Amino acid sequence: MEIDQILDNIFCMPDPSRLALKNCITEVSFPKGQVLIKANRIEKHIYFLKKE
Protein backbone atom coordinates (compact mmCIF):
# COMPACT_ATOMS: atom_id res chain seq x y z
CA MET A 1 0.00 0.00 0.00
CA GLU A 2 1.37 3.39 -0.95
CA ILE A 3 1.32 6.48 1.28
CA ASP A 4 -1.45 8.11 -0.80
CA GLN A 5 -3.72 5.13 -0.12
CA ILE A 6 -2.84 5.14 3.57
CA LEU A 7 -3.64 8.85 3.87
CA ASP A 8 -6.93 8.44 1.96
CA ASN A 9 -7.97 5.68 4.37
CA ILE A 10 -7.43 8.06 7.29
CA PHE A 11 -8.77 11.34 5.86
CA CYS A 12 -9.34 12.71 2.36
CA MET A 13 -7.58 16.06 2.01
CA PRO A 14 -6.92 18.61 -0.73
CA ASP A 15 -3.89 17.99 -2.94
CA PRO A 16 -1.82 20.91 -1.54
CA SER A 17 -2.32 19.61 2.01
CA ARG A 18 -1.46 16.06 0.96
CA LEU A 19 1.73 17.26 -0.76
CA ALA A 20 2.78 19.27 2.31
CA LEU A 21 2.26 16.24 4.55
CA LYS A 22 4.08 13.88 2.16
CA ASN A 23 7.09 16.22 2.18
CA CYS A 24 7.39 15.58 5.94
CA ILE A 25 7.17 11.78 5.67
CA THR A 26 10.16 9.48 5.55
CA GLU A 27 9.79 5.75 5.02
CA VAL A 28 11.71 3.68 7.58
CA SER A 29 11.91 -0.04 8.30
CA PHE A 30 12.07 -1.77 11.64
CA PRO A 31 12.46 -5.46 12.49
CA LYS A 32 9.33 -7.40 13.39
CA GLY A 33 8.52 -6.98 17.08
CA GLN A 34 10.25 -3.59 17.40
CA VAL A 35 8.58 -1.35 20.01
CA LEU A 36 7.62 1.96 18.36
CA ILE A 37 5.82 3.71 21.20
CA LYS A 38 6.01 3.35 24.97
CA ALA A 39 3.46 4.00 27.71
CA ASN A 40 3.73 7.19 29.80
CA ARG A 41 5.98 8.88 27.26
CA ILE A 42 5.37 11.77 24.86
CA GLU A 43 6.45 10.60 21.42
CA LYS A 44 8.08 12.88 18.85
CA HIS A 45 7.10 10.75 15.87
CA ILE A 46 3.95 9.28 14.37
CA TYR A 47 4.03 5.99 12.50
CA PHE A 48 1.87 4.69 9.67
CA LEU A 49 2.25 0.94 9.39
CA LYS A 50 2.58 -0.47 5.91
CA LYS A 51 1.85 -4.13 5.34
CA GLU A 52 4.22 -5.68 2.82
PDB file of N, CA and C in Angstrom:
ATOM      1  N   MET A   1       0.843  -1.171   0.000  1.00  0.00           N
ATOM      2  CA  MET A   1       0.000   0.000   0.000  1.00  0.00           C
ATOM      3  C   MET A   1       0.893   1.240   0.000  1.00  0.00           C
ATOM      4  N   GLU A   2       0.583   2.164  -0.852  1.00  0.00           N
ATOM      5  CA  GLU A   2       1.366   3.395  -0.954  1.00  0.00           C
ATOM      6  C   GLU A   2       0.845   4.446   0.020  1.00  0.00           C
ATOM      7  N   ILE A   3       1.668   5.458   0.293  1.00  0.00           N
ATOM      8  CA  ILE A   3       1.322   6.480   1.283  1.00  0.00           C
ATOM      9  C   ILE A   3       0.040   7.217   0.902  1.00  0.00           C
ATOM     10  N   ASP A   4      -0.214   7.438  -0.388  1.00  0.00           N
ATOM     11  CA  ASP A   4      -1.454   8.107  -0.798  1.00  0.00           C
ATOM     12  C   ASP A   4      -2.673   7.295  -0.375  1.00  0.00           C
ATOM     13  N   GLN A   5      -2.610   5.994  -0.526  1.00  0.00           N
ATOM     14  CA  GLN A   5      -3.718   5.128  -0.121  1.00  0.00           C
ATOM     15  C   GLN A   5      -3.888   5.137   1.399  1.00  0.00           C
ATOM     16  N   ILE A   6      -2.786   5.114   2.114  1.00  0.00           N
ATOM     17  CA  ILE A   6      -2.843   5.140   3.574  1.00  0.00           C
ATOM     18  C   ILE A   6      -3.496   6.435   4.041  1.00  0.00           C
ATOM     19  N   LEU A   7      -3.069   7.564   3.477  1.00  0.00           N
ATOM     20  CA  LEU A   7      -3.639   8.853   3.867  1.00  0.00           C
ATOM     21  C   LEU A   7      -5.118   8.927   3.524  1.00  0.00           C
ATOM     22  N   ASP A   8      -5.517   8.426   2.361  1.00  0.00           N
ATOM     23  CA  ASP A   8      -6.932   8.438   1.964  1.00  0.00           C
ATOM     24  C   ASP A   8      -7.786   7.602   2.913  1.00  0.00           C
ATOM     25  N   ASN A   9      -7.230   6.508   3.425  1.00  0.00           N
ATOM     26  CA  ASN A   9      -7.973   5.679   4.370  1.00  0.00           C
ATOM     27  C   ASN A   9      -8.187   6.385   5.703  1.00  0.00           C
ATOM     28  N   ILE A  10      -7.322   7.329   6.030  1.00  0.00           N
ATOM     29  CA  ILE A  10      -7.435   8.062   7.286  1.00  0.00           C
ATOM     30  C   ILE A  10      -8.325   9.284   7.107  1.00  0.00           C
ATOM     31  N   PHE A  11      -8.036  10.092   6.067  1.00  0.00           N
ATOM     32  CA  PHE A  11      -8.766  11.340   5.858  1.00  0.00           C
ATOM     33  C   PHE A  11      -8.481  11.850   4.452  1.00  0.00           C
ATOM     34  N   CYS A  12      -9.518  12.131   3.697  1.00  0.00           N
ATOM     35  CA  CYS A  12      -9.338  12.713   2.357  1.00  0.00           C
ATOM     36  C   CYS A  12      -9.041  14.201   2.515  1.00  0.00           C
ATOM     37  N   MET A  13      -7.984  14.659   1.873  1.00  0.00           N
ATOM     38  CA  MET A  13      -7.580  16.057   2.010  1.00  0.00           C
ATOM     39  C   MET A  13      -7.256  16.642   0.650  1.00  0.00           C
ATOM     40  N   PRO A  14      -7.262  17.959   0.547  1.00  0.00           N
ATOM     41  CA  PRO A  14      -6.922  18.610  -0.725  1.00  0.00           C
ATOM     42  C   PRO A  14      -5.477  18.297  -1.131  1.00  0.00           C
ATOM     43  N   ASP A  15      -5.222  18.319  -2.427  1.00  0.00           N
ATOM     44  CA  ASP A  15      -3.887  17.990  -2.941  1.00  0.00           C
ATOM     45  C   ASP A  15      -2.766  18.822  -2.321  1.00  0.00           C
ATOM     46  N   PRO A  16      -2.921  20.146  -2.153  1.00  0.00           N
ATOM     47  CA  PRO A  16      -1.818  20.912  -1.535  1.00  0.00           C
ATOM     48  C   PRO A  16      -1.499  20.448  -0.110  1.00  0.00           C
ATOM     49  N   SER A  17      -2.530  20.102   0.638  1.00  0.00           N
ATOM     50  CA  SER A  17      -2.316  19.607   2.008  1.00  0.00           C
ATOM     51  C   SER A  17      -1.633  18.251   1.993  1.00  0.00           C
ATOM     52  N   ARG A  18      -2.061  17.382   1.085  1.00  0.00           N
ATOM     53  CA  ARG A  18      -1.455  16.061   0.956  1.00  0.00           C
ATOM     54  C   ARG A  18       0.028  16.182   0.600  1.00  0.00           C
ATOM     55  N   LEU A  19       0.344  17.060  -0.337  1.00  0.00           N
ATOM     56  CA  LEU A  19       1.733  17.258  -0.755  1.00  0.00           C
ATOM     57  C   LEU A  19       2.583  17.786   0.394  1.00  0.00           C
ATOM     58  N   ALA A  20       2.045  18.727   1.159  1.00  0.00           N
ATOM     59  CA  ALA A  20       2.784  19.275   2.307  1.00  0.00           C
ATOM     60  C   ALA A  20       3.065  18.189   3.334  1.00  0.00           C
ATOM     61  N   LEU A  21       2.075  17.333   3.592  1.00  0.00           N
ATOM     62  CA  LEU A  21       2.263  16.238   4.548  1.00  0.00           C
ATOM     63  C   LEU A  21       3.269  15.221   4.021  1.00  0.00           C
ATOM     64  N   LYS A  22       3.158  14.865   2.744  1.00  0.00           N
ATOM     65  CA  LYS A  22       4.078  13.876   2.164  1.00  0.00           C
ATOM     66  C   LYS A  22       5.520  14.365   2.191  1.00  0.00           C
ATOM     67  N   ASN A  23       5.732  15.672   2.125  1.00  0.00           N
ATOM     68  CA  ASN A  23       7.088  16.217   2.182  1.00  0.00           C
ATOM     69  C   ASN A  23       7.716  16.044   3.565  1.00  0.00           C
ATOM     70  N   CYS A  24       6.892  15.776   4.579  1.00  0.00           N
ATOM     71  CA  CYS A  24       7.390  15.579   5.945  1.00  0.00           C
ATOM     72  C   CYS A  24       7.548  14.106   6.297  1.00  0.00           C
ATOM     73  N   ILE A  25       7.165  13.211   5.386  1.00  0.00           N
ATOM     74  CA  ILE A  25       7.167  11.779   5.669  1.00  0.00           C
ATOM     75  C   ILE A  25       8.425  11.111   5.129  1.00  0.00           C
ATOM     76  N   THR A  26       9.020  10.279   5.950  1.00  0.00           N
ATOM     77  CA  THR A  26      10.164   9.475   5.552  1.00  0.00           C
ATOM     78  C   THR A  26       9.829   8.017   5.820  1.00  0.00           C
ATOM     79  N   GLU A  27      10.047   7.171   4.832  1.00  0.00           N
ATOM     80  CA  GLU A  27       9.789   5.748   5.024  1.00  0.00           C
ATOM     81  C   GLU A  27      10.973   5.113   5.740  1.00  0.00           C
ATOM     82  N   VAL A  28      10.680   4.391   6.811  1.00  0.00           N
ATOM     83  CA  VAL A  28      11.710   3.681   7.576  1.00  0.00           C
ATOM     84  C   VAL A  28      11.268   2.241   7.771  1.00  0.00           C
ATOM     85  N   SER A  29      12.203   1.377   8.052  1.00  0.00           N
ATOM     86  CA  SER A  29      11.910  -0.036   8.300  1.00  0.00           C
ATOM     87  C   SER A  29      12.445  -0.427   9.664  1.00  0.00           C
ATOM     88  N   PHE A  30      11.673  -1.254  10.351  1.00  0.00           N
ATOM     89  CA  PHE A  30      12.072  -1.773  11.644  1.00  0.00           C
ATOM     90  C   PHE A  30      11.889  -3.283  11.622  1.00  0.00           C
ATOM     91  N   PRO A  31      12.657  -4.011  12.424  1.00  0.00           N
ATOM     92  CA  PRO A  31      12.457  -5.462  12.490  1.00  0.00           C
ATOM     93  C   PRO A  31      11.132  -5.789  13.157  1.00  0.00           C
ATOM     94  N   LYS A  32      10.589  -6.941  12.806  1.00  0.00           N
ATOM     95  CA  LYS A  32       9.334  -7.396  13.392  1.00  0.00           C
ATOM     96  C   LYS A  32       9.491  -7.466  14.909  1.00  0.00           C
ATOM     97  N   GLY A  33       8.488  -6.961  15.615  1.00  0.00           N
ATOM     98  CA  GLY A  33       8.519  -6.976  17.076  1.00  0.00           C
ATOM     99  C   GLY A  33       9.124  -5.733  17.700  1.00  0.00           C
ATOM    100  N   GLN A  34       9.639  -4.823  16.902  1.00  0.00           N
ATOM    101  CA  GLN A  34      10.250  -3.585  17.402  1.00  0.00           C
ATOM    102  C   GLN A  34       9.187  -2.735  18.102  1.00  0.00           C
ATOM    103  N   VAL A  35       9.487  -2.224  19.273  1.00  0.00           N
ATOM    104  CA  VAL A  35       8.577  -1.346  20.007  1.00  0.00           C
ATOM    105  C   VAL A  35       8.721   0.066  19.434  1.00  0.00           C
ATOM    106  N   LEU A  36       7.595   0.629  18.963  1.00  0.00           N
ATOM    107  CA  LEU A  36       7.624   1.964  18.357  1.00  0.00           C
ATOM    108  C   LEU A  36       7.195   3.056  19.322  1.00  0.00           C
ATOM    109  N   ILE A  37       6.266   2.733  20.207  1.00  0.00           N
ATOM    110  CA  ILE A  37       5.817   3.713  21.196  1.00  0.00           C
ATOM    111  C   ILE A  37       5.802   3.047  22.561  1.00  0.00           C
ATOM    112  N   LYS A  38       5.979   3.861  23.600  1.00  0.00           N
ATOM    113  CA  LYS A  38       6.007   3.346  24.966  1.00  0.00           C
ATOM    114  C   LYS A  38       4.982   4.089  25.818  1.00  0.00           C
ATOM    115  N   ALA A  39       4.443   3.406  26.797  1.00  0.00           N
ATOM    116  CA  ALA A  39       3.465   3.997  27.708  1.00  0.00           C
ATOM    117  C   ALA A  39       4.110   5.106  28.542  1.00  0.00           C
ATOM    118  N   ASN A  40       3.306   6.089  28.919  1.00  0.00           N
ATOM    119  CA  ASN A  40       3.731   7.195  29.800  1.00  0.00           C
ATOM    120  C   ASN A  40       4.886   7.996  29.222  1.00  0.00           C
ATOM    121  N   ARG A  41       4.897   8.140  27.912  1.00  0.00           N
ATOM    122  CA  ARG A  41       5.976   8.878  27.262  1.00  0.00           C
ATOM    123  C   ARG A  41       5.380   9.701  26.117  1.00  0.00           C
ATOM    124  N   ILE A  42       5.813  10.937  25.974  1.00  0.00           N
ATOM    125  CA  ILE A  42       5.373  11.771  24.858  1.00  0.00           C
ATOM    126  C   ILE A  42       6.278  11.460  23.675  1.00  0.00           C
ATOM    127  N   GLU A  43       5.678  10.972  22.605  1.00  0.00           N
ATOM    128  CA  GLU A  43       6.450  10.597  21.422  1.00  0.00           C
ATOM    129  C   GLU A  43       6.652  11.785  20.497  1.00  0.00           C
ATOM    130  N   LYS A  44       7.766  11.812  19.799  1.00  0.00           N
ATOM    131  CA  LYS A  44       8.082  12.878  18.854  1.00  0.00           C
ATOM    132  C   LYS A  44       7.743  12.497  17.418  1.00  0.00           C
ATOM    133  N   HIS A  45       7.376  11.230  17.213  1.00  0.00           N
ATOM    134  CA  HIS A  45       7.097  10.749  15.866  1.00  0.00           C
ATOM    135  C   HIS A  45       5.744  10.072  15.817  1.00  0.00           C
ATOM    136  N   ILE A  46       5.171  10.035  14.623  1.00  0.00           N
ATOM    137  CA  ILE A  46       3.950   9.278  14.375  1.00  0.00           C
ATOM    138  C   ILE A  46       4.295   8.246  13.329  1.00  0.00           C
ATOM    139  N   TYR A  47       3.713   7.080  13.429  1.00  0.00           N
ATOM    140  CA  TYR A  47       4.026   5.988  12.500  1.00  0.00           C
ATOM    141  C   TYR A  47       2.770   5.534  11.786  1.00  0.00           C
ATOM    142  N   PHE A  48       2.891   5.330  10.490  1.00  0.00           N
ATOM    143  CA  PHE A  48       1.874   4.695   9.673  1.00  0.00           C
ATOM    144  C   PHE A  48       2.445   3.331   9.307  1.00  0.00           C
ATOM    145  N   LEU A  49       1.749   2.284   9.659  1.00  0.00           N
ATOM    146  CA  LEU A  49       2.251   0.939   9.388  1.00  0.00           C
ATOM    147  C   LEU A  49       1.839   0.495   7.997  1.00  0.00           C
ATOM    148  N   LYS A  50       2.792  -0.036   7.279  1.00  0.00           N
ATOM    149  CA  LYS A  50       2.580  -0.472   5.907  1.00  0.00           C
ATOM    150  C   LYS A  50       2.791  -1.972   5.856  1.00  0.00           C
ATOM    151  N   LYS A  51       1.760  -2.687   5.440  1.00  0.00           N
ATOM    152  CA  LYS A  51       1.852  -4.130   5.342  1.00  0.00           C
ATOM    153  C   LYS A  51       2.478  -4.485   4.008  1.00  0.00           C
ATOM    154  N   GLU A  52       3.517  -5.280   4.038  1.00  0.00           N
ATOM    155  CA  GLU A  52       4.219  -5.683   2.815  1.00  0.00           C
ATOM    156  C   GLU A  52       3.549  -6.866   2.182  1.00  0.00           C
TER     157      GLU A  52
END
